[in-house]
Amino acid sequence: RHGLALEALFQPHVRFFVAWRDGRPVGCAGIAFLDGFAEVKRMYVRPEVRGQGVADALMAHLAAQTVASGRDLLRLETGVHQQAAIGFYRRHGFDGCGAFPPYTAMPPEAVVTSLFMEKRLLPPGAVPA
């Protein structure tokens, strides 16, 4: 909803991944590595392959990239009316949270229909406390 401008995709702290099937793109996901956390900036899966694990694979890749970057917190912003997306994120362990930067600097009316979520990540082999 509060997406990145095209030029922001070429910044060193932003990565964009594409899922391919049979030689064609079927999904994509963007992530921004910020101070102390990473933010999911975009997720999209073509309608004809939804429910086939593409989004799950993209989310797992974003989580792995977050851990590999030395961060253990993955955050996102989505719309309060995006029920399918909210359900997907909850199934992947995300919980609601307060606004985080850069959204905390926006006027309240700019984020009134935003839902903020986050998930703590553990490095491979780590045991939760």
Protein backbone atom coordinates (compact mmCIF):
# COMPACT_ATOMS: atom_id res chain seq x y z
CA ARG A 1 0.00 0.00 0.00
CA HIS A 2 2.82 2.36 0.83
CA GLY A 3 5.03 0.92 -1.87
CA LEU A 4 8.49 1.89 -2.93
CA ALA A 5 9.13 4.28 -5.76
CA LEU A 6 10.82 2.65 -8.74
CA GLU A 7 14.17 4.28 -8.00
CA ALA A 8 14.06 2.88 -4.44
CA LEU A 9 14.21 -0.65 -5.87
CA PHE A 10 17.79 0.05 -6.90
CA GLN A 11 19.00 1.04 -3.43
CA PRO A 12 21.51 -1.31 -1.76
CA HIS A 13 19.19 -2.04 1.19
CA VAL A 14 16.33 -3.29 -1.04
CA ARG A 15 16.03 -6.73 -2.63
CA PHE A 16 13.40 -8.01 -5.01
CA PHE A 17 12.81 -11.70 -5.73
CA VAL A 18 10.85 -13.43 -8.49
CA ALA A 19 9.36 -16.93 -8.32
CA TRP A 20 9.46 -18.83 -11.61
CA ARG A 21 7.52 -21.85 -12.80
CA ASP A 22 7.95 -23.45 -16.21
CA GLY A 23 10.06 -20.54 -17.41
CA ARG A 24 7.65 -17.77 -16.50
CA PRO A 25 7.33 -15.48 -13.48
CA VAL A 26 4.49 -16.45 -11.16
CA GLY A 27 5.18 -14.33 -8.10
CA CYS A 28 7.40 -11.70 -6.58
CA ALA A 29 8.36 -10.27 -3.22
CA GLY A 30 10.31 -7.23 -2.13
CA ILE A 31 12.13 -6.59 1.12
CA ALA A 32 13.89 -3.56 2.60
CA PHE A 33 16.65 -4.06 5.15
CA LEU A 34 16.27 -1.26 7.68
CA ASP A 35 17.82 -0.36 11.03
CA GLY A 36 17.20 -3.40 13.25
CA PHE A 37 14.57 -5.09 11.10
CA ALA A 38 13.54 -5.96 7.57
CA GLU A 39 10.24 -4.93 6.02
CA VAL A 40 8.25 -6.90 3.47
CA LYS A 41 7.54 -4.27 0.85
CA ARG A 42 5.52 -6.23 -1.65
CA MET A 43 4.18 -9.72 -2.24
CA TYR A 44 2.26 -10.83 -5.28
CA VAL A 45 1.37 -14.23 -6.72
CA ARG A 46 -0.47 -14.69 -10.00
CA PRO A 47 -4.07 -15.78 -9.37
CA GLU A 48 -3.76 -19.03 -11.34
CA VAL A 49 -1.00 -20.36 -9.03
CA ARG A 50 -2.36 -19.16 -5.69
CA GLY A 51 -2.70 -21.95 -3.16
CA GLN A 52 0.18 -23.90 -4.73
CA GLY A 53 2.93 -22.86 -2.29
CA VAL A 54 4.45 -19.99 -4.28
CA ALA A 55 3.66 -17.37 -1.61
CA ASP A 56 4.86 -19.75 1.11
CA ALA A 57 8.18 -20.19 -0.70
CA LEU A 58 8.58 -16.44 -1.19
CA MET A 59 7.84 -15.74 2.48
CA ALA A 60 10.31 -18.43 3.58
CA HIS A 61 12.92 -16.83 1.34
CA LEU A 62 12.27 -13.37 2.80
CA ALA A 63 12.60 -14.78 6.32
CA ALA A 64 15.87 -16.52 5.42
CA GLN A 65 17.22 -13.32 3.84
CA THR A 66 16.29 -11.40 6.99
CA VAL A 67 18.20 -13.83 9.22
CA ALA A 68 21.14 -13.89 6.80
CA SER A 69 21.30 -10.09 7.06
CA GLY A 70 21.79 -10.38 10.83
CA ARG A 71 18.27 -9.24 11.70
CA ASP A 72 15.71 -11.23 13.68
CA LEU A 73 12.61 -9.11 13.10
CA LEU A 74 10.48 -9.08 9.95
CA ARG A 75 7.75 -6.45 9.70
CA LEU A 76 5.10 -5.43 7.19
CA GLU A 77 2.25 -3.07 6.52
CA THR A 78 -0.93 -4.18 4.79
CA GLY A 79 -4.45 -2.87 4.42
CA VAL A 80 -7.06 -3.56 7.08
CA HIS A 81 -9.42 -4.80 4.35
CA GLN A 82 -6.92 -7.25 2.82
CA GLN A 83 -8.34 -10.29 4.61
CA ALA A 84 -6.61 -12.90 2.45
CA ALA A 85 -3.24 -11.22 3.00
CA ILE A 86 -3.86 -10.85 6.74
CA GLY A 87 -4.76 -14.54 7.01
CA PHE A 88 -1.65 -15.50 5.06
CA TYR A 89 0.60 -13.43 7.31
CA ARG A 90 -1.03 -14.80 10.48
CA ARG A 91 -0.49 -18.37 9.22
CA HIS A 92 3.16 -17.45 8.81
CA GLY A 93 3.42 -16.34 12.43
CA PHE A 94 2.95 -12.59 12.11
CA ASP A 95 1.13 -10.73 14.88
CA GLY A 96 -0.25 -7.22 14.97
CA CYS A 97 2.03 -4.45 16.23
CA GLY A 98 2.15 -0.69 16.35
CA ALA A 99 3.36 1.47 13.50
CA PHE A 100 7.11 1.45 12.90
CA PRO A 101 9.44 3.73 10.92
CA PRO A 102 8.87 5.15 8.37
CA TYR A 103 5.13 4.98 9.09
CA THR A 104 5.50 6.59 12.53
CA ALA A 105 6.46 9.82 10.75
CA MET A 106 3.31 9.83 8.61
CA PRO A 107 0.17 11.70 9.65
CA PRO A 108 -2.49 9.45 11.22
CA GLU A 109 -4.83 9.86 8.25
CA ALA A 110 -2.15 8.37 5.98
CA VAL A 111 -2.11 5.09 7.92
CA VAL A 112 -5.67 4.87 9.26
CA THR A 113 -6.41 1.88 7.01
CA SER A 114 -3.03 0.23 7.65
CA LEU A 115 -2.43 -2.88 9.70
CA PHE A 116 1.11 -3.35 10.97
CA MET A 117 2.46 -6.82 11.68
CA GLU A 118 5.74 -8.37 12.76
CA LYS A 119 7.38 -11.72 13.34
CA ARG A 120 10.48 -12.61 15.36
CA LEU A 121 12.81 -14.93 13.51
CA LEU A 122 15.36 -17.38 14.83
CA PRO A 123 18.58 -18.40 13.15
CA PRO A 124 18.60 -21.99 11.84
CA GLY A 125 18.99 -24.45 14.71
CA ALA A 126 18.18 -21.87 17.41
CA VAL A 127 15.75 -22.80 20.16
CA PRO A 128 13.10 -20.28 21.31
CA ALA A 129 13.66 -18.94 24.84
